[in-house]
Amino acid sequence: MAEPLLGREPEAAAAALQRLREIFGAGQLYVEVQHHALAGDDWLVRRLLALARRSGLPAVATHNVHY
């Protein structure tokens, strides 16, 4: 979802999410949100959360954690 959003193509992001929803079902699909403290992350996180809300899907916050 991030790539089309970063390309300022929200319709493409919504269409991709809809395709995933059809494949996996709404009960098996989450919108992943990551914040790496990079420029533009705040903007992207807000749009991903809005996309999840509009789609009626839950969001899950993850991170690239290594231990």
C-alpha atoms as a PDB file:
ATOM      1  CA  MET A   1       0.000   0.000   0.000  1.00  0.00           C
ATOM      2  CA  ALA A   2       2.867   2.381   0.691  1.00  0.00           C
ATOM      3  CA  GLU A   3       4.262   2.503  -2.838  1.00  0.00           C
ATOM      4  CA  PRO A   4       1.110   3.815  -4.534  1.00  0.00           C
ATOM      5  CA  LEU A   5       0.509   6.214  -1.651  1.00  0.00           C
ATOM      6  CA  LEU A   6       4.042   7.565  -1.936  1.00  0.00           C
ATOM      7  CA  GLY A   7       3.432   7.952  -5.668  1.00  0.00           C
ATOM      8  CA  ARG A   8       0.363  10.042  -4.813  1.00  0.00           C
ATOM      9  CA  GLU A   9      -1.949   7.368  -6.231  1.00  0.00           C
ATOM     10  CA  PRO A  10      -4.453   6.706  -3.426  1.00  0.00           C
ATOM     11  CA  GLU A  11      -6.903   5.034  -5.818  1.00  0.00           C
ATOM     12  CA  ALA A  12      -4.253   2.462  -6.745  1.00  0.00           C
ATOM     13  CA  ALA A  13      -3.564   1.794  -3.065  1.00  0.00           C
ATOM     14  CA  ALA A  14      -7.273   1.288  -2.382  1.00  0.00           C
ATOM     15  CA  ALA A  15      -7.591  -1.047  -5.379  1.00  0.00           C
ATOM     16  CA  ALA A  16      -4.585  -3.107  -4.263  1.00  0.00           C
ATOM     17  CA  LEU A  17      -6.015  -3.382  -0.768  1.00  0.00           C
ATOM     18  CA  GLN A  18      -9.375  -4.463  -2.188  1.00  0.00           C
ATOM     19  CA  ARG A  19      -7.658  -7.208  -4.215  1.00  0.00           C
ATOM     20  CA  LEU A  20      -5.931  -8.478  -1.077  1.00  0.00           C
ATOM     21  CA  ARG A  21      -9.220  -8.360   0.796  1.00  0.00           C
ATOM     22  CA  GLU A  22     -10.853 -10.504  -1.894  1.00  0.00           C
ATOM     23  CA  ILE A  23      -7.993 -13.012  -1.746  1.00  0.00           C
ATOM     24  CA  PHE A  24      -7.584 -13.304   2.035  1.00  0.00           C
ATOM     25  CA  GLY A  25     -10.931 -12.097   3.386  1.00  0.00           C
ATOM     26  CA  ALA A  26     -11.535  -9.177   5.725  1.00  0.00           C
ATOM     27  CA  GLY A  27     -11.014 -11.278   8.845  1.00  0.00           C
ATOM     28  CA  GLN A  28      -7.511 -12.281   7.758  1.00  0.00           C
ATOM     29  CA  LEU A  29      -6.154  -8.956   6.540  1.00  0.00           C
ATOM     30  CA  TYR A  30      -4.526  -6.055   8.373  1.00  0.00           C
ATOM     31  CA  VAL A  31      -2.920  -2.842   7.155  1.00  0.00           C
ATOM     32  CA  GLU A  32       0.668  -2.794   8.398  1.00  0.00           C
ATOM     33  CA  VAL A  33       2.021   0.521   9.652  1.00  0.00           C
ATOM     34  CA  GLN A  34       5.714   1.138  10.339  1.00  0.00           C
ATOM     35  CA  HIS A  35       7.453   4.311  11.472  1.00  0.00           C
ATOM     36  CA  HIS A  36      11.215   4.429  10.953  1.00  0.00           C
ATOM     37  CA  ALA A  37      11.689   8.073  11.987  1.00  0.00           C
ATOM     38  CA  LEU A  38      12.434   8.981   8.372  1.00  0.00           C
ATOM     39  CA  ALA A  39      11.266  12.050   6.514  1.00  0.00           C
ATOM     40  CA  GLY A  40       7.727  11.488   5.282  1.00  0.00           C
ATOM     41  CA  ASP A  41       6.880   8.692   7.726  1.00  0.00           C
ATOM     42  CA  ASP A  42       4.292  10.780   9.587  1.00  0.00           C
ATOM     43  CA  TRP A  43       2.536  11.573   6.302  1.00  0.00           C
ATOM     44  CA  LEU A  44       2.581   7.920   5.172  1.00  0.00           C
ATOM     45  CA  VAL A  45       1.362   6.552   8.512  1.00  0.00           C
ATOM     46  CA  ARG A  46      -1.593   8.957   8.486  1.00  0.00           C
ATOM     47  CA  ARG A  47      -2.560   7.864   4.978  1.00  0.00           C
ATOM     48  CA  LEU A  48      -2.196   4.161   5.754  1.00  0.00           C
ATOM     49  CA  LEU A  49      -4.396   4.551   8.829  1.00  0.00           C
ATOM     50  CA  ALA A  50      -6.981   6.472   6.807  1.00  0.00           C
ATOM     51  CA  LEU A  51      -6.931   3.748   4.140  1.00  0.00           C
ATOM     52  CA  ALA A  52      -7.451   1.071   6.791  1.00  0.00           C
ATOM     53  CA  ARG A  53     -10.330   3.042   8.319  1.00  0.00           C
ATOM     54  CA  ARG A  54     -12.047   3.595   4.962  1.00  0.00           C
ATOM     55  CA  SER A  55     -11.641  -0.084   4.117  1.00  0.00           C
ATOM     56  CA  GLY A  56     -12.991  -1.245   7.452  1.00  0.00           C
ATOM     57  CA  LEU A  57      -9.776  -3.143   8.188  1.00  0.00           C
ATOM     58  CA  PRO A  58      -7.700  -3.087  11.356  1.00  0.00           C
ATOM     59  CA  ALA A  59      -4.220  -1.621  11.360  1.00  0.00           C
ATOM     60  CA  VAL A  60      -1.243  -3.238  13.045  1.00  0.00           C
ATOM     61  CA  ALA A  61       1.905  -1.379  14.072  1.00  0.00           C
ATOM     62  CA  THR A  62       5.106  -3.288  13.390  1.00  0.00           C
ATOM     63  CA  HIS A  63       8.770  -2.482  13.204  1.00  0.00           C
ATOM     64  CA  ASN A  64      11.965  -3.944  11.854  1.00  0.00           C
ATOM     65  CA  VAL A  65      13.092  -5.336  15.206  1.00  0.00           C
ATOM     66  CA  HIS A  66      16.210  -7.471  15.564  1.00  0.00           C
ATOM     67  CA  TYR A  67      17.417  -9.070  18.750  1.00  0.00           C
END
